[in-house]
Amino acid sequence: MSDAESPDTDFDPVAPNTGEDFEPVDVFPDSDDFDLRPGADSCYKCATCDTNCPVAAVDDDFPGPKFQGPEQWRLKQTDDDYTVDDSVMDCSNCMRCDNACPSGVPLSQMHNTARGEYVSEQMDKLSVEYVRNRILANYRTSAFFASKVPRLANFAMNFGPARWVMEKTLGVTSERDFPEFARQTFREWWAERGGQATSRENAKAARNRRGLPEDADKKVAYFHGCYSNYNTTEVGKAMVRLYEAFGYEVVAPEQKCSGTPMFANGMLDDARRHAEVNVSSMSDLVERGYDAIASCTSCSMALRQEYPELFDIDGIEKVAANTFEAVEYLRIHEDLREEVREAEVDGDLAEEFAYHAPCHSRNQGLDRQAVELFRDLDGVGVEDVGDSCSGISGTYGWKEEKYEKSMQIGEEMFEHMEDADGETGMTECPTCAMQMEHGSGYEIRHPLELLEAALVE
């Protein structure tokens, strides 16, 4: 007997719910925070992030990115009494978990949000850890004052007894040498040189040499960041001269710290104050046709990813969409590969280089660009020293209790550097450069310096 011929029954199905009287269950109450639920729901606990975490590899007590991100976020939504676990402060903010996740879970955004909540609501503001982290996170402030008396600062910051006191009272490791402060900051050099007006004239002259229209629309806003301003000013100078040689007018707008060390230490209020200045300056220039260029991969990462993930500031999306790492930008807009192929380097930079791609360059898809770019440059050899993390992760490796872990993380890189042909290192990240020099004793250069030596007469 077919279903159509089935006998009558007393079955009386309930009328379908058309939605008119349906009230959905409010699982997660309304919040002013960024909506992280889609990211948390995308996590299917494969643990790929945990296996790619350099901190978890050396610290058995660290629960890993999966717990710090989606699992802790879910706990917060379903348990009003849940407080952020203090292990979130052991995350180094290398962001390798973002790159590893097959589902696109915004892990670092979750970590930064949780860390900010922990510091704001749970951390003792009078504790040594908080004071130490606040000082390290606001490096720009310390560097500003140190740059006024650079010789004295360089002596005092590396004076043995002073370093011992800093370790015992603040927990800043005495194992590392503090970076030297330049006797003239990049911005002082920039102003003395003539600022934007001189750059405009240099760019016009370069356009004439290249056969380009004198009024060609080639202009960039340089986000030099803290380190190129106060310490490695040669990187900033190389960036300016290189871009001018390609016919670009360069401006160096008002700016503060990118906020990267503040994110890593949960100081989101500090980071927002700095971001508001940076976005205001850069968005005005983007409106006038400038692109934002950064020579530090952590700075470009902050402007193009972390700002729009963490802050709702007018103009932030436009700045993010028009921010580039310095070498990346030239690879996009110029025939940089051909220019390098026809060039030759001699003198101090005719070297074999051991190149390390910073974690934050990997997150931007830039980890192979230096190796690929320089492979055809006469007089130079560049060898990739592997895909491991350097271990310092900004301020992480400067903390006394994390120093040994940072060196364990960097051990693979140190071994590869020792096995490489060259005895000069290369990287785009200033703190990775510190770690490379500390662990190998090599001098470390930036790709922009090599490009300047090859292409600028």
Protein backbone atom coordinates (compact mmCIF):
# COMPACT_ATOMS: atom_id res chain seq x y z
CA MET A 1 0.00 0.00 0.00
CA SER A 2 1.41 3.38 -0.99
CA ASP A 3 1.69 6.38 1.28
CA ALA A 4 -1.02 8.04 -0.75
CA GLU A 5 -3.39 5.20 0.13
CA SER A 6 -2.60 5.17 3.86
CA PRO A 7 -5.66 4.97 6.13
CA ASP A 8 -6.98 7.94 8.03
CA THR A 9 -5.36 8.61 11.39
CA ASP A 10 -5.87 10.99 14.25
CA PHE A 11 -2.51 12.70 13.46
CA ASP A 12 -2.99 16.48 13.43
CA PRO A 13 0.30 18.24 12.61
CA VAL A 14 1.03 21.55 14.31
CA ALA A 15 0.69 24.52 12.02
CA PRO A 16 4.09 25.72 10.84
CA ASN A 17 5.67 28.66 12.62
CA THR A 18 5.72 31.48 10.10
CA GLY A 19 8.03 33.58 12.21
CA GLU A 20 5.45 36.13 13.29
CA ASP A 21 5.56 35.07 16.95
CA PHE A 22 9.11 33.70 16.96
CA GLU A 23 11.50 35.21 19.52
CA PRO A 24 15.11 34.06 19.10
CA VAL A 25 17.08 33.16 22.19
CA ASP A 26 19.60 35.89 23.01
CA VAL A 27 22.65 33.65 23.47
CA PHE A 28 25.16 36.49 23.58
CA PRO A 29 23.84 39.80 25.00
CA ASP A 30 24.30 43.02 23.06
CA SER A 31 27.75 44.54 23.41
CA ASP A 32 29.62 47.58 22.17
CA ASP A 33 32.66 45.38 21.46
CA PHE A 34 33.60 44.21 17.98
CA ASP A 35 31.58 41.12 17.07
CA LEU A 36 33.96 38.19 17.42
CA ARG A 37 31.28 35.51 17.42
CA PRO A 38 31.68 34.57 13.70
CA GLY A 39 35.39 34.02 14.26
CA ALA A 40 34.80 31.94 17.39
CA ASP A 41 32.18 29.86 15.59
CA SER A 42 34.65 29.18 12.75
CA CYS A 43 37.07 27.44 15.12
CA TYR A 44 36.68 23.67 14.94
CA LYS A 45 39.47 22.89 17.41
CA CYS A 46 41.98 21.48 14.94
CA ALA A 47 44.78 22.93 17.14
CA THR A 48 46.87 24.00 14.14
CA CYS A 49 47.36 27.35 15.86
CA ASP A 50 48.74 25.60 18.96
CA THR A 51 51.24 23.55 16.97
CA ASN A 52 52.47 26.71 15.21
CA CYS A 53 52.78 28.78 18.39
CA PRO A 54 56.45 29.44 19.27
CA VAL A 55 55.63 30.19 22.92
CA ALA A 56 53.69 26.95 23.41
CA ALA A 57 56.65 25.05 21.97
CA VAL A 58 58.94 26.18 24.81
CA ASP A 59 56.48 26.85 27.66
CA ASP A 60 54.49 23.82 28.85
CA ASP A 61 52.34 26.04 31.08
CA PHE A 62 51.09 28.22 28.23
CA PRO A 63 47.67 26.92 27.08
CA GLY A 64 48.13 28.14 23.50
CA PRO A 65 46.29 30.37 21.02
CA LYS A 66 43.13 28.22 20.81
CA PHE A 67 42.40 28.71 24.49
CA GLN A 68 43.45 32.36 24.51
CA GLY A 69 41.21 33.09 21.53
CA PRO A 70 37.91 31.32 20.79
CA GLU A 71 37.67 29.15 23.90
CA GLN A 72 38.23 32.01 26.32
CA TRP A 73 35.88 34.23 24.31
CA ARG A 74 33.10 31.62 24.56
CA LEU A 75 33.64 31.29 28.31
CA LYS A 76 33.29 35.03 28.71
CA GLN A 77 29.98 35.07 26.83
CA THR A 78 28.38 32.22 28.76
CA ASP A 79 29.70 32.83 32.29
CA ASP A 80 29.16 36.27 33.79
CA ASP A 81 31.70 35.51 36.54
CA TYR A 82 34.47 34.39 34.18
CA THR A 83 37.65 36.47 34.31
CA VAL A 84 40.38 36.47 31.69
CA ASP A 85 43.11 33.97 32.48
CA ASP A 86 46.43 35.64 33.32
CA SER A 87 48.24 33.37 30.85
CA VAL A 88 47.09 35.78 28.13
CA MET A 89 50.09 37.92 29.15
CA ASP A 90 52.43 35.12 28.05
CA CYS A 91 51.32 35.48 24.41
CA SER A 92 54.08 37.27 22.51
CA ASN A 93 51.74 38.70 19.83
CA CYS A 94 53.84 37.21 17.03
CA MET A 95 50.53 36.55 15.21
CA ARG A 96 51.77 33.32 13.62
CA CYS A 97 48.50 31.71 14.71
CA ASP A 98 46.60 34.02 12.34
CA ASN A 99 48.70 32.80 9.46
CA ALA A 100 48.37 29.14 10.48
CA CYS A 101 44.60 28.94 11.04
CA PRO A 102 42.84 27.15 8.14
CA SER A 103 39.48 28.70 9.09
CA GLY A 104 40.50 32.35 9.26
CA VAL A 105 39.72 32.72 12.96
CA PRO A 106 40.82 36.24 14.08
CA LEU A 107 43.02 34.84 16.83
CA SER A 108 45.30 37.82 17.39
CA GLN A 109 42.28 40.14 17.53
CA MET A 110 40.81 37.92 20.24
CA HIS A 111 44.13 37.82 22.09
CA ASN A 112 44.54 41.60 21.94
CA THR A 113 40.97 42.13 23.13
CA ALA A 114 41.34 39.67 26.02
CA ARG A 115 44.75 41.05 26.98
CA GLY A 116 43.37 44.59 26.98
CA GLU A 117 40.50 43.53 29.24
CA TYR A 118 42.85 41.71 31.61
CA VAL A 119 45.17 44.71 31.95
CA SER A 120 42.32 47.20 32.27
CA GLU A 121 40.14 45.31 34.73
CA GLN A 122 42.24 42.71 36.53
CA MET A 123 45.90 43.75 36.63
CA ASP A 124 47.21 45.55 39.71
CA LYS A 125 48.21 49.01 38.49
CA LEU A 126 50.77 49.33 41.30
CA SER A 127 52.47 46.03 40.53
CA VAL A 128 56.04 45.93 39.25
CA GLU A 129 54.87 43.97 36.21
CA TYR A 130 52.37 46.66 35.22
CA VAL A 131 54.87 49.49 35.66
CA ARG A 132 57.55 47.58 33.71
CA ASN A 133 55.15 46.71 30.90
CA ARG A 134 53.90 50.29 30.70
CA ILE A 135 57.46 51.58 30.32
CA LEU A 136 58.34 48.99 27.66
CA ALA A 137 55.07 49.54 25.79
CA ASN A 138 55.66 53.28 25.65
CA TYR A 139 59.18 53.05 24.25
CA ARG A 140 58.57 56.20 22.22
CA THR A 141 58.37 58.27 25.41
CA SER A 142 61.65 56.90 26.78
CA ALA A 143 63.33 57.29 23.39
CA PHE A 144 62.16 60.90 23.10
CA PHE A 145 63.92 61.91 26.30
CA ALA A 146 66.98 59.75 25.59
CA SER A 147 67.38 61.39 22.17
CA LYS A 148 67.90 64.77 23.86
CA VAL A 149 71.11 63.46 25.48
CA PRO A 150 72.04 60.46 23.31
CA ARG A 151 75.66 60.06 24.48
CA LEU A 152 74.65 60.09 28.15
CA ALA A 153 71.68 57.81 27.48
CA ASN A 154 73.81 55.29 25.59
CA PHE A 155 76.27 55.14 28.47
CA ALA A 156 73.68 55.02 31.24
CA MET A 157 71.42 52.44 29.61
CA ASN A 158 74.28 49.95 29.23
CA PHE A 159 76.12 50.73 32.47
CA GLY A 160 76.45 47.38 34.28
CA PRO A 161 75.28 48.38 37.79
CA ALA A 162 72.34 50.32 36.32
CA ARG A 163 71.28 47.29 34.29
CA TRP A 164 71.49 45.08 37.39
CA VAL A 165 69.24 47.50 39.28
CA MET A 166 66.75 47.59 36.39
CA GLU A 167 66.54 43.81 36.36
CA LYS A 168 66.10 43.48 40.12
CA THR A 169 63.58 46.33 40.49
CA LEU A 170 61.65 46.30 37.20
CA GLY A 171 62.30 42.90 35.71
CA VAL A 172 64.00 44.19 32.54
CA THR A 173 66.63 41.62 31.60
CA SER A 174 70.27 42.62 31.99
CA GLU A 175 71.33 40.03 29.40
CA ARG A 176 70.64 42.30 26.42
CA ASP A 177 72.43 45.45 25.31
CA PHE A 178 70.15 48.43 24.90
CA PRO A 179 70.14 49.77 21.32
CA GLU A 180 72.10 52.95 20.77
CA PHE A 181 70.24 56.21 20.28
CA ALA A 182 71.24 58.22 17.22
CA ARG A 183 72.94 61.55 17.80
CA GLN A 184 70.51 63.08 15.31
CA THR A 185 66.98 61.72 14.98
CA PHE A 186 65.48 61.01 11.59
CA ARG A 187 63.03 63.88 11.98
CA GLU A 188 65.86 66.27 12.87
CA TRP A 189 67.71 65.13 9.74
CA TRP A 190 64.53 65.48 7.71
CA ALA A 191 63.94 69.06 8.88
CA GLU A 192 67.60 70.06 8.44
CA ARG A 193 67.53 68.63 4.91
CA GLY A 194 64.57 70.79 3.93
CA GLY A 195 61.62 68.46 4.55
CA GLN A 196 58.93 68.03 1.92
CA ALA A 197 60.15 70.92 -0.25
CA THR A 198 63.56 69.32 -0.79
CA SER A 199 61.98 65.94 -1.42
CA ARG A 200 59.69 67.45 -4.04
CA GLU A 201 62.65 68.96 -5.91
CA ASN A 202 64.67 65.74 -5.70
CA ALA A 203 61.70 63.78 -7.01
CA LYS A 204 61.22 66.14 -9.95
CA ALA A 205 64.89 65.86 -10.89
CA ALA A 206 64.66 62.06 -10.76
CA ARG A 207 61.57 62.09 -12.98
CA ASN A 208 63.43 64.14 -15.55
CA ARG A 209 66.30 61.64 -15.53
CA ARG A 210 63.85 58.80 -15.97
CA GLY A 211 61.91 60.52 -18.73
CA LEU A 212 58.75 60.79 -16.64
CA PRO A 213 56.37 63.78 -16.57
CA GLU A 214 57.61 66.29 -14.04
CA ASP A 215 54.13 66.47 -12.49
CA ALA A 216 53.68 62.69 -12.28
CA ASP A 217 51.40 61.70 -9.41
CA LYS A 218 54.01 59.90 -7.31
CA LYS A 219 53.85 60.76 -3.64
CA VAL A 220 54.03 58.79 -0.40
CA ALA A 221 53.62 59.50 3.30
CA TYR A 222 56.38 57.85 5.31
CA PHE A 223 55.46 56.23 8.62
CA HIS A 224 58.96 55.87 10.02
CA GLY A 225 57.91 54.63 13.45
CA CYS A 226 59.90 54.97 16.64
CA TYR A 227 62.98 52.91 15.88
CA SER A 228 63.91 54.48 12.56
CA ASN A 229 63.45 57.88 14.14
CA TYR A 230 65.45 57.40 17.33
CA ASN A 231 67.82 54.49 16.68
CA THR A 232 68.42 53.20 13.14
CA THR A 233 68.03 56.50 11.34
CA GLU A 234 70.03 55.11 8.42
CA VAL A 235 66.98 53.01 7.49
CA GLY A 236 64.74 56.07 7.27
CA LYS A 237 67.32 58.00 5.26
CA ALA A 238 67.76 55.07 2.86
CA MET A 239 63.99 54.89 2.38
CA VAL A 240 63.73 58.60 1.53
CA ARG A 241 66.66 58.61 -0.91
CA LEU A 242 65.49 55.39 -2.59
CA TYR A 243 61.95 56.64 -3.15
CA GLU A 244 63.16 60.00 -4.40
CA ALA A 245 65.40 58.18 -6.90
CA PHE A 246 62.24 56.57 -8.30
CA GLY A 247 60.60 59.98 -8.59
CA TYR A 248 58.44 59.92 -5.46
CA GLU A 249 57.82 62.97 -3.35
CA VAL A 250 58.06 61.94 0.31
CA VAL A 251 56.35 63.55 3.28
CA ALA A 252 56.93 62.66 6.94
CA PRO A 253 53.65 63.57 8.65
CA GLU A 254 52.98 64.02 12.34
CA GLN A 255 52.90 60.60 13.94
CA LYS A 256 53.21 58.67 17.15
CA CYS A 257 54.02 55.03 17.90
CA SER A 258 52.21 52.48 15.74
CA GLY A 259 50.99 50.87 18.96
CA THR A 260 52.55 47.45 18.37
CA PRO A 261 54.27 47.21 21.79
CA MET A 262 51.11 48.50 23.43
CA PHE A 263 48.99 45.77 21.83
CA ALA A 264 51.45 43.14 23.08
CA ASN A 265 51.20 44.47 26.64
CA GLY A 266 47.45 45.05 26.75
CA MET A 267 47.72 48.84 26.86
CA LEU A 268 44.84 49.43 24.43
CA ASP A 269 43.93 52.88 25.77
CA ASP A 270 47.50 54.05 25.10
CA ALA A 271 47.43 52.42 21.68
CA ARG A 272 44.18 54.13 20.77
CA ARG A 273 45.52 57.57 21.67
CA HIS A 274 48.48 57.02 19.37
CA ALA A 275 46.31 55.50 16.65
CA GLU A 276 44.00 58.53 16.63
CA VAL A 277 46.93 60.82 15.82
CA ASN A 278 48.32 58.47 13.16
CA VAL A 279 44.99 57.89 11.46
CA SER A 280 44.18 61.59 11.47
CA SER A 281 47.51 62.48 9.83
CA MET A 282 47.52 59.63 7.35
CA SER A 283 43.84 59.82 6.36
CA ASP A 284 44.20 63.49 5.41
CA LEU A 285 47.13 62.60 3.15
CA VAL A 286 45.37 59.55 1.67
CA GLU A 287 42.49 61.85 0.73
CA ARG A 288 45.03 63.94 -1.19
CA GLY A 289 46.39 60.95 -3.10
CA TYR A 290 49.28 59.82 -0.90
CA ASP A 291 49.90 56.20 0.05
CA ALA A 292 51.21 55.32 3.52
CA ILE A 293 54.59 53.56 3.55
CA ALA A 294 56.28 51.87 6.52
CA SER A 295 59.84 50.54 6.71
CA CYS A 296 59.01 48.35 9.72
CA THR A 297 56.77 45.34 9.06
CA SER A 298 55.21 45.56 12.53
CA CYS A 299 54.21 49.18 11.85
CA SER A 300 52.64 48.32 8.49
CA MET A 301 50.86 45.38 10.16
CA ALA A 302 49.45 47.68 12.85
CA LEU A 303 48.12 50.25 10.38
CA ARG A 304 46.67 47.81 7.89
CA GLN A 305 45.32 45.04 10.20
CA GLU A 306 45.32 45.74 13.93
CA TYR A 307 43.90 49.28 13.76
CA PRO A 308 40.68 48.31 11.94
CA GLU A 309 40.37 45.15 14.06
CA LEU A 310 40.56 47.00 17.38
CA PHE A 311 39.47 50.60 16.88
CA ASP A 312 36.57 52.47 15.32
CA ILE A 313 38.24 55.70 14.22
CA ASP A 314 37.07 57.88 11.35
CA GLY A 315 39.22 57.21 8.27
CA ILE A 316 40.76 54.01 9.62
CA GLU A 317 39.57 51.73 6.80
CA LYS A 318 40.91 54.10 4.16
CA VAL A 319 44.32 54.27 5.84
CA ALA A 320 44.43 50.48 6.19
CA ALA A 321 43.61 49.98 2.51
CA ASN A 322 46.37 52.37 1.45
CA THR A 323 49.19 51.23 3.74
CA PHE A 324 52.15 49.27 2.37
CA GLU A 325 55.52 47.99 3.51
CA ALA A 326 58.24 50.01 1.77
CA VAL A 327 59.81 47.30 -0.43
CA GLU A 328 56.40 45.82 -1.18
CA TYR A 329 55.18 49.15 -2.57
CA LEU A 330 58.07 49.50 -4.99
CA ARG A 331 57.61 45.90 -6.16
CA ILE A 332 53.96 46.74 -6.96
CA HIS A 333 54.45 50.10 -8.65
CA GLU A 334 57.92 49.87 -10.21
CA ASP A 335 59.84 47.26 -12.18
CA LEU A 336 62.02 46.77 -9.14
CA ARG A 337 63.11 43.26 -10.09
CA GLU A 338 64.55 44.47 -13.40
CA GLU A 339 66.24 47.48 -11.79
CA VAL A 340 67.93 45.20 -9.25
CA ARG A 341 68.93 42.70 -11.96
CA GLU A 342 70.80 45.46 -13.85
CA ALA A 343 72.50 46.84 -10.72
CA GLU A 344 75.67 45.90 -8.90
CA VAL A 345 76.82 46.37 -5.34
CA ASP A 346 80.37 46.80 -4.17
CA GLY A 347 82.01 48.17 -1.04
CA ASP A 348 80.67 47.56 2.46
CA LEU A 349 77.44 45.94 1.34
CA ALA A 350 78.97 43.48 -1.12
CA GLU A 351 78.19 40.69 1.31
CA GLU A 352 76.57 37.34 1.82
CA PHE A 353 73.48 37.97 3.94
CA ALA A 354 71.59 35.66 6.29
CA TYR A 355 67.99 36.83 5.91
CA HIS A 356 65.24 36.35 8.50
CA ALA A 357 61.61 37.08 7.59
CA PRO A 358 59.83 38.59 10.62
CA CYS A 359 56.60 36.96 11.76
CA HIS A 360 54.69 40.15 10.95
CA SER A 361 56.01 40.11 7.38
CA ARG A 362 54.72 36.55 7.00
CA ASN A 363 51.27 37.71 8.06
CA GLN A 364 51.36 40.20 5.20
CA GLY A 365 52.58 37.65 2.64
CA LEU A 366 56.01 39.30 2.39
CA ASP A 367 58.24 36.57 3.80
CA ARG A 368 59.98 35.71 0.51
CA GLN A 369 60.25 39.12 -1.10
CA ALA A 370 63.82 39.98 -0.04
CA VAL A 371 65.22 36.58 -1.03
CA GLU A 372 63.47 36.66 -4.41
CA LEU A 373 64.36 40.29 -5.07
CA PHE A 374 68.08 40.06 -4.35
CA ARG A 375 68.84 36.68 -5.91
CA ASP A 376 69.89 38.40 -9.18
CA LEU A 377 71.83 41.29 -7.62
CA ASP A 378 75.50 41.16 -8.60
CA GLY A 379 77.92 41.25 -5.70
CA VAL A 380 75.37 40.05 -3.14
CA GLY A 381 74.07 36.72 -1.88
CA VAL A 382 70.99 36.35 0.32
CA GLU A 383 70.18 33.11 2.12
CA ASP A 384 66.89 32.51 3.94
CA VAL A 385 67.56 31.19 7.46
CA GLY A 386 64.22 29.42 7.79
CA ASP A 387 60.69 30.17 8.86
CA SER A 388 61.14 30.08 12.64
CA CYS A 389 60.29 32.99 14.93
CA SER A 390 63.23 35.08 16.14
CA GLY A 391 61.84 34.84 19.68
CA ILE A 392 62.13 38.43 20.83
CA SER A 393 58.65 39.53 19.69
CA GLY A 394 59.15 43.19 20.53
CA THR A 395 59.07 43.67 24.29
CA TYR A 396 58.55 39.96 25.10
CA GLY A 397 62.26 39.10 25.06
CA TRP A 398 63.15 42.14 27.17
CA LYS A 399 61.28 40.81 30.19
CA GLU A 400 63.53 39.03 32.68
CA GLU A 401 61.14 36.12 33.22
CA LYS A 402 60.77 35.58 29.46
CA TYR A 403 64.36 36.07 28.31
CA GLU A 404 65.31 32.37 28.39
CA LYS A 405 62.14 31.39 26.54
CA SER A 406 62.84 34.00 23.87
CA MET A 407 66.32 32.57 23.35
CA GLN A 408 64.94 29.02 23.15
CA ILE A 409 62.47 30.16 20.49
CA GLY A 410 65.28 31.85 18.55
CA GLU A 411 67.65 28.88 18.77
CA GLU A 412 66.63 27.45 15.39
CA MET A 413 67.23 30.81 13.71
CA PHE A 414 70.63 31.18 15.39
CA GLU A 415 71.68 27.73 14.15
CA HIS A 416 70.61 28.51 10.60
CA MET A 417 72.48 31.81 10.72
CA GLU A 418 75.64 30.01 11.83
CA ASP A 419 75.29 27.53 8.97
CA ALA A 420 74.66 30.25 6.36
CA ASP A 421 77.53 31.46 4.15
CA GLY A 422 77.21 35.09 5.22
CA GLU A 423 78.16 36.75 8.48
CA THR A 424 75.86 39.73 8.05
CA GLY A 425 72.18 39.46 8.88
CA MET A 426 69.20 41.09 7.19
CA THR A 427 65.63 41.68 8.31
CA GLU A 428 62.90 44.35 8.12
CA CYS A 429 62.00 44.25 11.83
CA PRO A 430 64.12 46.27 14.31
CA THR A 431 63.53 43.98 17.28
CA CYS A 432 64.20 40.87 15.19
CA ALA A 433 67.45 42.61 14.26
CA MET A 434 68.24 43.00 17.98
CA GLN A 435 67.67 39.29 18.55
CA MET A 436 69.71 38.27 15.49
CA GLU A 437 72.64 40.41 16.61
CA HIS A 438 72.33 39.24 20.22
CA GLY A 439 72.30 35.56 19.32
CA SER A 440 74.87 35.56 16.52
CA GLY A 441 77.08 38.62 16.98
CA TYR A 442 76.42 39.56 13.32
CA GLU A 443 75.85 43.07 12.07
CA ILE A 444 72.25 43.38 10.82
CA ARG A 445 71.09 45.46 7.85
CA HIS A 446 67.70 46.39 6.39
CA PRO A 447 66.73 45.55 2.78
CA LEU A 448 66.22 49.27 2.12
CA GLU A 449 69.89 49.89 2.84
CA LEU A 450 70.90 47.31 0.25
CA LEU A 451 68.47 48.73 -2.31
CA GLU A 452 69.88 52.21 -1.73
CA ALA A 453 73.44 50.93 -2.26
CA ALA A 454 72.38 49.20 -5.48
CA LEU A 455 70.10 51.80 -7.07
CA VAL A 456 70.87 55.29 -5.75
CA GLU A 457 73.84 57.09 -7.29
